[in-house]
């Protein structure tokens, strides 16, 4: 009798276990392969992912990373070589490394309140990505890598960003010491434009 009562008392807790929506089958398959999920139902128990610090899932055919917002302890995310179109990491304040190169991004939000904690960031080869939402534009321009047609902004708007890029002209090229230089291979260079944007480039020979 006591065992039956205990089971009945526990049922509401099991029924109310919080789940995270994961609509992309390829993303959910990665989570299943990692032992964080066990069935295709477009969801995963939040308690299984909210302490995960590292996710490596490159070239997995992922198009949608909805659900990543509940990986609140995530520090390393490598998701390059997929077909992701939108990536919202504004709820991931512990990010230290991010590589989302070679996707189909049109929207990327890393305004997570801790941009200075994100020391390795690269979002190259996303030709339709015109703006990356950030908290700290100066930090992002100095340390992070993106395509030349893209800007960092605290207020990404498709129309304004397109106009912003169309009317920029190169003012000068400087090295890490701020000295104006002529571009050469194997140098870290900063391209300064008339609209206030700065691009960091490294051309390897």
C-alpha atoms as a PDB file:
ATOM      1  CA  UNK A   1       0.000   0.000   0.000  1.00  0.00           C
ATOM      2  CA  UNK A   2       2.811   2.393   0.905  1.00  0.00           C
ATOM      3  CA  UNK A   3       4.591   1.654  -2.405  1.00  0.00           C
ATOM      4  CA  UNK A   4       1.429   2.446  -4.390  1.00  0.00           C
ATOM      5  CA  UNK A   5       0.989   5.715  -2.501  1.00  0.00           C
ATOM      6  CA  UNK A   6       4.616   6.683  -3.192  1.00  0.00           C
ATOM      7  CA  UNK A   7       4.184   6.040  -6.923  1.00  0.00           C
ATOM      8  CA  UNK A   8       1.007   8.105  -7.035  1.00  0.00           C
ATOM      9  CA  UNK A   9       2.693  10.987  -5.233  1.00  0.00           C
ATOM     10  CA  UNK A  10       5.612  10.959  -7.701  1.00  0.00           C
ATOM     11  CA  UNK A  11       3.468  10.934 -10.856  1.00  0.00           C
ATOM     12  CA  UNK A  12       2.838  14.707 -10.944  1.00  0.00           C
ATOM     13  CA  UNK A  13       6.583  15.380 -10.801  1.00  0.00           C
ATOM     14  CA  UNK A  14       7.287  13.118 -13.775  1.00  0.00           C
ATOM     15  CA  UNK A  15       4.394  14.638 -15.712  1.00  0.00           C
ATOM     16  CA  UNK A  16       5.648  18.194 -15.160  1.00  0.00           C
ATOM     17  CA  UNK A  17       9.269  17.588 -16.203  1.00  0.00           C
ATOM     18  CA  UNK A  18      10.219  20.526 -18.421  1.00  0.00           C
ATOM     19  CA  UNK A  19      11.034  19.858 -22.061  1.00  0.00           C
ATOM     20  CA  UNK A  20      12.891  21.903 -24.677  1.00  0.00           C
ATOM     21  CA  UNK A  21      11.492  22.145 -28.204  1.00  0.00           C
ATOM     22  CA  UNK A  22      13.919  20.723 -30.802  1.00  0.00           C
ATOM     23  CA  UNK A  23      12.165  20.720 -34.204  1.00  0.00           C
ATOM     24  CA  UNK A  24      15.192  19.822 -36.364  1.00  0.00           C
ATOM     25  CA  UNK A  25      15.585  16.045 -36.718  1.00  0.00           C
ATOM     26  CA  UNK A  26      19.299  16.273 -37.512  1.00  0.00           C
ATOM     27  CA  UNK A  27      19.913  18.321 -34.349  1.00  0.00           C
ATOM     28  CA  UNK A  28      17.852  15.886 -32.288  1.00  0.00           C
ATOM     29  CA  UNK A  29      19.785  12.957 -33.799  1.00  0.00           C
ATOM     30  CA  UNK A  30      23.017  14.551 -32.536  1.00  0.00           C
ATOM     31  CA  UNK A  31      21.497  14.813 -29.064  1.00  0.00           C
ATOM     32  CA  UNK A  32      20.404  11.163 -29.227  1.00  0.00           C
ATOM     33  CA  UNK A  33      23.896  10.110 -30.336  1.00  0.00           C
ATOM     34  CA  UNK A  34      25.333  11.979 -27.357  1.00  0.00           C
ATOM     35  CA  UNK A  35      22.967  10.160 -25.003  1.00  0.00           C
ATOM     36  CA  UNK A  36      21.038  13.334 -24.146  1.00  0.00           C
ATOM     37  CA  UNK A  37      17.772  12.106 -25.692  1.00  0.00           C
ATOM     38  CA  UNK A  38      16.320   8.737 -26.619  1.00  0.00           C
ATOM     39  CA  UNK A  39      13.392   9.275 -28.977  1.00  0.00           C
ATOM     40  CA  UNK A  40      12.383  11.446 -31.938  1.00  0.00           C
ATOM     41  CA  UNK A  41       9.591  13.601 -30.549  1.00  0.00           C
ATOM     42  CA  UNK A  42      10.843  17.128 -31.366  1.00  0.00           C
ATOM     43  CA  UNK A  43      11.856  17.647 -27.757  1.00  0.00           C
ATOM     44  CA  UNK A  44      14.434  16.827 -25.115  1.00  0.00           C
ATOM     45  CA  UNK A  45      14.295  17.053 -21.338  1.00  0.00           C
ATOM     46  CA  UNK A  46      15.718  20.440 -20.362  1.00  0.00           C
ATOM     47  CA  UNK A  47      17.434  18.881 -17.365  1.00  0.00           C
ATOM     48  CA  UNK A  48      19.479  16.719 -19.784  1.00  0.00           C
ATOM     49  CA  UNK A  49      20.996  19.702 -21.593  1.00  0.00           C
ATOM     50  CA  UNK A  50      21.122  22.704 -19.282  1.00  0.00           C
ATOM     51  CA  UNK A  51      24.501  21.677 -17.843  1.00  0.00           C
ATOM     52  CA  UNK A  52      26.172  20.722 -21.154  1.00  0.00           C
ATOM     53  CA  UNK A  53      29.290  22.829 -21.807  1.00  0.00           C
ATOM     54  CA  UNK A  54      30.564  21.538 -25.174  1.00  0.00           C
ATOM     55  CA  UNK A  55      28.741  20.773 -28.441  1.00  0.00           C
ATOM     56  CA  UNK A  56      30.625  19.664 -31.560  1.00  0.00           C
ATOM     57  CA  UNK A  57      28.204  19.041 -34.425  1.00  0.00           C
ATOM     58  CA  UNK A  58      29.751  20.070 -37.709  1.00  0.00           C
ATOM     59  CA  UNK A  59      28.573  18.759 -41.090  1.00  0.00           C
ATOM     60  CA  UNK A  60      25.446  17.110 -39.667  1.00  0.00           C
ATOM     61  CA  UNK A  61      22.841  18.539 -42.069  1.00  0.00           C
ATOM     62  CA  UNK A  62      21.291  20.748 -39.382  1.00  0.00           C
ATOM     63  CA  UNK A  63      19.065  23.606 -40.570  1.00  0.00           C
ATOM     64  CA  UNK A  64      17.554  24.784 -37.270  1.00  0.00           C
ATOM     65  CA  UNK A  65      19.182  25.056 -33.847  1.00  0.00           C
ATOM     66  CA  UNK A  66      16.014  25.988 -31.975  1.00  0.00           C
ATOM     67  CA  UNK A  67      16.509  24.590 -28.486  1.00  0.00           C
ATOM     68  CA  UNK A  68      20.090  25.839 -28.164  1.00  0.00           C
ATOM     69  CA  UNK A  69      18.766  28.608 -25.889  1.00  0.00           C
ATOM     70  CA  UNK A  70      18.301  26.081 -23.063  1.00  0.00           C
ATOM     71  CA  UNK A  71      21.965  25.027 -23.187  1.00  0.00           C
ATOM     72  CA  UNK A  72      22.584  27.777 -20.642  1.00  0.00           C
ATOM     73  CA  UNK A  73      26.016  26.497 -19.566  1.00  0.00           C
ATOM     74  CA  UNK A  74      27.312  26.097 -23.123  1.00  0.00           C
ATOM     75  CA  UNK A  75      30.897  27.335 -23.509  1.00  0.00           C
ATOM     76  CA  UNK A  76      31.972  25.754 -26.818  1.00  0.00           C
ATOM     77  CA  UNK A  77      29.765  25.470 -29.902  1.00  0.00           C
ATOM     78  CA  UNK A  78      31.124  24.166 -33.202  1.00  0.00           C
ATOM     79  CA  UNK A  79      28.327  23.961 -35.770  1.00  0.00           C
ATOM     80  CA  UNK A  80      30.148  24.770 -39.018  1.00  0.00           C
ATOM     81  CA  UNK A  81      29.322  23.104 -42.315  1.00  0.00           C
ATOM     82  CA  UNK A  82      25.556  22.845 -41.796  1.00  0.00           C
ATOM     83  CA  UNK A  83      22.635  24.711 -43.429  1.00  0.00           C
ATOM     84  CA  UNK A  84      21.585  26.764 -40.412  1.00  0.00           C
ATOM     85  CA  UNK A  85      19.710  29.957 -41.374  1.00  0.00           C
ATOM     86  CA  UNK A  86      19.033  31.535 -37.965  1.00  0.00           C
ATOM     87  CA  UNK A  87      21.093  31.220 -34.797  1.00  0.00           C
ATOM     88  CA  UNK A  88      20.056  32.891 -31.538  1.00  0.00           C
ATOM     89  CA  UNK A  89      22.692  32.626 -28.806  1.00  0.00           C
ATOM     90  CA  UNK A  90      21.445  35.539 -26.727  1.00  0.00           C
ATOM     91  CA  UNK A  91      20.561  33.130 -23.898  1.00  0.00           C
ATOM     92  CA  UNK A  92      24.018  31.523 -23.779  1.00  0.00           C
ATOM     93  CA  UNK A  93      26.124  33.860 -21.585  1.00  0.00           C
ATOM     94  CA  UNK A  94      28.937  31.364 -20.970  1.00  0.00           C
ATOM     95  CA  UNK A  95      30.095  31.049 -24.577  1.00  0.00           C
ATOM     96  CA  UNK A  96      33.870  31.034 -24.925  1.00  0.00           C
ATOM     97  CA  UNK A  97      34.256  29.528 -28.411  1.00  0.00           C
ATOM     98  CA  UNK A  98      31.921  29.682 -31.420  1.00  0.00           C
ATOM     99  CA  UNK A  99      32.501  28.442 -34.951  1.00  0.00           C
ATOM    100  CA  UNK A 100      29.487  28.743 -37.261  1.00  0.00           C
ATOM    101  CA  UNK A 101      31.399  29.035 -40.551  1.00  0.00           C
ATOM    102  CA  UNK A 102      29.977  27.709 -43.814  1.00  0.00           C
ATOM    103  CA  UNK A 103      26.282  27.837 -43.041  1.00  0.00           C
ATOM    104  CA  UNK A 104      23.345  29.675 -44.664  1.00  0.00           C
ATOM    105  CA  UNK A 105      22.926  32.231 -41.904  1.00  0.00           C
ATOM    106  CA  UNK A 106      20.728  35.273 -42.443  1.00  0.00           C
ATOM    107  CA  UNK A 107      20.388  36.018 -38.716  1.00  0.00           C
ATOM    108  CA  UNK A 108      22.924  35.636 -35.905  1.00  0.00           C
ATOM    109  CA  UNK A 109      22.386  37.005 -32.392  1.00  0.00           C
ATOM    110  CA  UNK A 110      25.193  36.820 -29.829  1.00  0.00           C
ATOM    111  CA  UNK A 111      23.945  39.664 -27.635  1.00  0.00           C
ATOM    112  CA  UNK A 112      24.311  37.422 -24.597  1.00  0.00           C
ATOM    113  CA  UNK A 113      25.452  40.135 -22.184  1.00  0.00           C
ATOM    114  CA  UNK A 114      28.983  38.723 -22.032  1.00  0.00           C
ATOM    115  CA  UNK A 115      30.665  39.355 -25.400  1.00  0.00           C
ATOM    116  CA  UNK A 116      34.055  39.867 -23.725  1.00  0.00           C
ATOM    117  CA  UNK A 117      33.897  36.268 -22.547  1.00  0.00           C
ATOM    118  CA  UNK A 118      33.663  34.993 -26.132  1.00  0.00           C
ATOM    119  CA  UNK A 119      37.314  34.876 -27.151  1.00  0.00           C
ATOM    120  CA  UNK A 120      37.104  32.653 -30.229  1.00  0.00           C
ATOM    121  CA  UNK A 121      34.412  33.643 -32.723  1.00  0.00           C
ATOM    122  CA  UNK A 122      34.260  32.960 -36.443  1.00  0.00           C
ATOM    123  CA  UNK A 123      31.231  33.258 -38.732  1.00  0.00           C
ATOM    124  CA  UNK A 124      32.920  33.232 -42.144  1.00  0.00           C
ATOM    125  CA  UNK A 125      31.366  32.035 -45.406  1.00  0.00           C
ATOM    126  CA  UNK A 126      27.801  33.089 -44.620  1.00  0.00           C
ATOM    127  CA  UNK A 127      27.245  35.376 -47.644  1.00  0.00           C
ATOM    128  CA  UNK A 128      23.622  36.272 -46.781  1.00  0.00           C
ATOM    129  CA  UNK A 129      24.507  37.380 -43.252  1.00  0.00           C
ATOM    130  CA  UNK A 130      24.556  41.194 -43.249  1.00  0.00           C
ATOM    131  CA  UNK A 131      24.408  41.893 -39.516  1.00  0.00           C
ATOM    132  CA  UNK A 132      25.421  40.154 -36.286  1.00  0.00           C
ATOM    133  CA  UNK A 133      23.653  41.318 -33.125  1.00  0.00           C
ATOM    134  CA  UNK A 134      26.107  42.005 -30.294  1.00  0.00           C
ATOM    135  CA  UNK A 135      26.413  43.940 -27.035  1.00  0.00           C
ATOM    136  CA  UNK A 136      29.955  45.219 -27.587  1.00  0.00           C
ATOM    137  CA  UNK A 137      30.671  46.376 -31.156  1.00  0.00           C
ATOM    138  CA  UNK A 138      34.254  47.506 -30.480  1.00  0.00           C
ATOM    139  CA  UNK A 139      35.224  44.178 -28.900  1.00  0.00           C
ATOM    140  CA  UNK A 140      33.600  42.199 -31.716  1.00  0.00           C
ATOM    141  CA  UNK A 141      35.331  44.245 -34.419  1.00  0.00           C
ATOM    142  CA  UNK A 142      38.710  43.765 -32.780  1.00  0.00           C
ATOM    143  CA  UNK A 143      38.591  40.053 -31.933  1.00  0.00           C
ATOM    144  CA  UNK A 144      35.965  38.291 -34.033  1.00  0.00           C
ATOM    145  CA  UNK A 145      35.960  37.082 -37.652  1.00  0.00           C
ATOM    146  CA  UNK A 146      33.095  37.614 -40.098  1.00  0.00           C
ATOM    147  CA  UNK A 147      32.556  38.200 -43.813  1.00  0.00           C
ATOM    148  CA  UNK A 148      33.415  41.629 -45.216  1.00  0.00           C
ATOM    149  CA  UNK A 149      29.806  42.352 -46.193  1.00  0.00           C
ATOM    150  CA  UNK A 150      28.611  41.926 -42.622  1.00  0.00           C
ATOM    151  CA  UNK A 151      28.578  44.344 -39.668  1.00  0.00           C
ATOM    152  CA  UNK A 152      28.317  44.015 -35.910  1.00  0.00           C
ATOM    153  CA  UNK A 153      25.451  46.022 -34.467  1.00  0.00           C
ATOM    154  CA  UNK A 154      23.354  46.432 -31.326  1.00  0.00           C
ATOM    155  CA  UNK A 155      20.291  46.885 -33.535  1.00  0.00           C
ATOM    156  CA  UNK A 156      20.226  44.654 -36.596  1.00  0.00           C
ATOM    157  CA  UNK A 157      17.710  45.704 -39.234  1.00  0.00           C
ATOM    158  CA  UNK A 158      17.901  44.143 -42.695  1.00  0.00           C
ATOM    159  CA  UNK A 159      17.114  47.320 -44.633  1.00  0.00           C
ATOM    160  CA  UNK A 160      19.356  49.623 -42.620  1.00  0.00           C
ATOM    161  CA  UNK A 161      22.263  47.193 -42.659  1.00  0.00           C
ATOM    162  CA  UNK A 162      22.110  46.765 -46.434  1.00  0.00           C
ATOM    163  CA  UNK A 163      22.141  50.553 -46.871  1.00  0.00           C
ATOM    164  CA  UNK A 164      24.915  50.833 -44.301  1.00  0.00           C
ATOM    165  CA  UNK A 165      27.147  48.487 -46.286  1.00  0.00           C
ATOM    166  CA  UNK A 166      26.383  49.963 -49.715  1.00  0.00           C
ATOM    167  CA  UNK A 167      27.800  53.390 -48.893  1.00  0.00           C
ATOM    168  CA  UNK A 168      30.968  52.505 -47.018  1.00  0.00           C
ATOM    169  CA  UNK A 169      34.418  53.242 -48.431  1.00  0.00           C
ATOM    170  CA  UNK A 170      37.819  52.134 -47.217  1.00  0.00           C
ATOM    171  CA  UNK A 171      39.663  54.889 -45.327  1.00  0.00           C
ATOM    172  CA  UNK A 172      42.862  53.126 -44.319  1.00  0.00           C
ATOM    173  CA  UNK A 173      44.505  49.839 -43.370  1.00  0.00           C
ATOM    174  CA  UNK A 174      46.405  49.571 -40.082  1.00  0.00           C
ATOM    175  CA  UNK A 175      48.392  46.906 -38.247  1.00  0.00           C
ATOM    176  CA  UNK A 176      47.915  45.763 -34.625  1.00  0.00           C
ATOM    177  CA  UNK A 177      49.833  48.835 -33.438  1.00  0.00           C
ATOM    178  CA  UNK A 178      47.539  51.235 -35.317  1.00  0.00           C
ATOM    179  CA  UNK A 179      50.178  52.120 -37.937  1.00  0.00           C
ATOM    180  CA  UNK A 180      48.948  52.626 -41.478  1.00  0.00           C
ATOM    181  CA  UNK A 181      50.451  49.922 -43.696  1.00  0.00           C
ATOM    182  CA  UNK A 182      50.359  48.365 -47.154  1.00  0.00           C
ATOM    183  CA  UNK A 183      48.701  44.910 -47.000  1.00  0.00           C
ATOM    184  CA  UNK A 184      51.136  41.982 -46.956  1.00  0.00           C
ATOM    185  CA  UNK A 185      50.624  38.246 -46.420  1.00  0.00           C
ATOM    186  CA  UNK A 186      50.823  36.755 -42.918  1.00  0.00           C
ATOM    187  CA  UNK A 187      49.930  40.028 -41.187  1.00  0.00           C
ATOM    188  CA  UNK A 188      47.006  40.817 -38.907  1.00  0.00           C
ATOM    189  CA  UNK A 189      45.391  43.874 -40.489  1.00  0.00           C
ATOM    190  CA  UNK A 190      42.432  46.113 -39.689  1.00  0.00           C
ATOM    191  CA  UNK A 191      40.446  47.691 -42.549  1.00  0.00           C
ATOM    192  CA  UNK A 192      38.793  50.916 -41.385  1.00  0.00           C
ATOM    193  CA  UNK A 193      35.754  52.139 -43.347  1.00  0.00           C
ATOM    194  CA  UNK A 194      33.915  55.449 -43.637  1.00  0.00           C
ATOM    195  CA  UNK A 195      30.802  54.122 -41.870  1.00  0.00           C
ATOM    196  CA  UNK A 196      32.780  53.379 -38.699  1.00  0.00           C
ATOM    197  CA  UNK A 197      33.128  49.628 -39.210  1.00  0.00           C
ATOM    198  CA  UNK A 198      36.435  47.832 -38.795  1.00  0.00           C
ATOM    199  CA  UNK A 199      37.287  44.491 -40.384  1.00  0.00           C
ATOM    200  CA  UNK A 200      40.016  42.248 -39.058  1.00  0.00           C
ATOM    201  CA  UNK A 201      41.783  40.289 -41.801  1.00  0.00           C
ATOM    202  CA  UNK A 202      44.621  37.801 -41.896  1.00  0.00           C
ATOM    203  CA  UNK A 203      45.836  36.798 -45.371  1.00  0.00           C
ATOM    204  CA  UNK A 204      47.924  33.628 -45.262  1.00  0.00           C
ATOM    205  CA  UNK A 205      50.497  33.068 -47.971  1.00  0.00           C
END
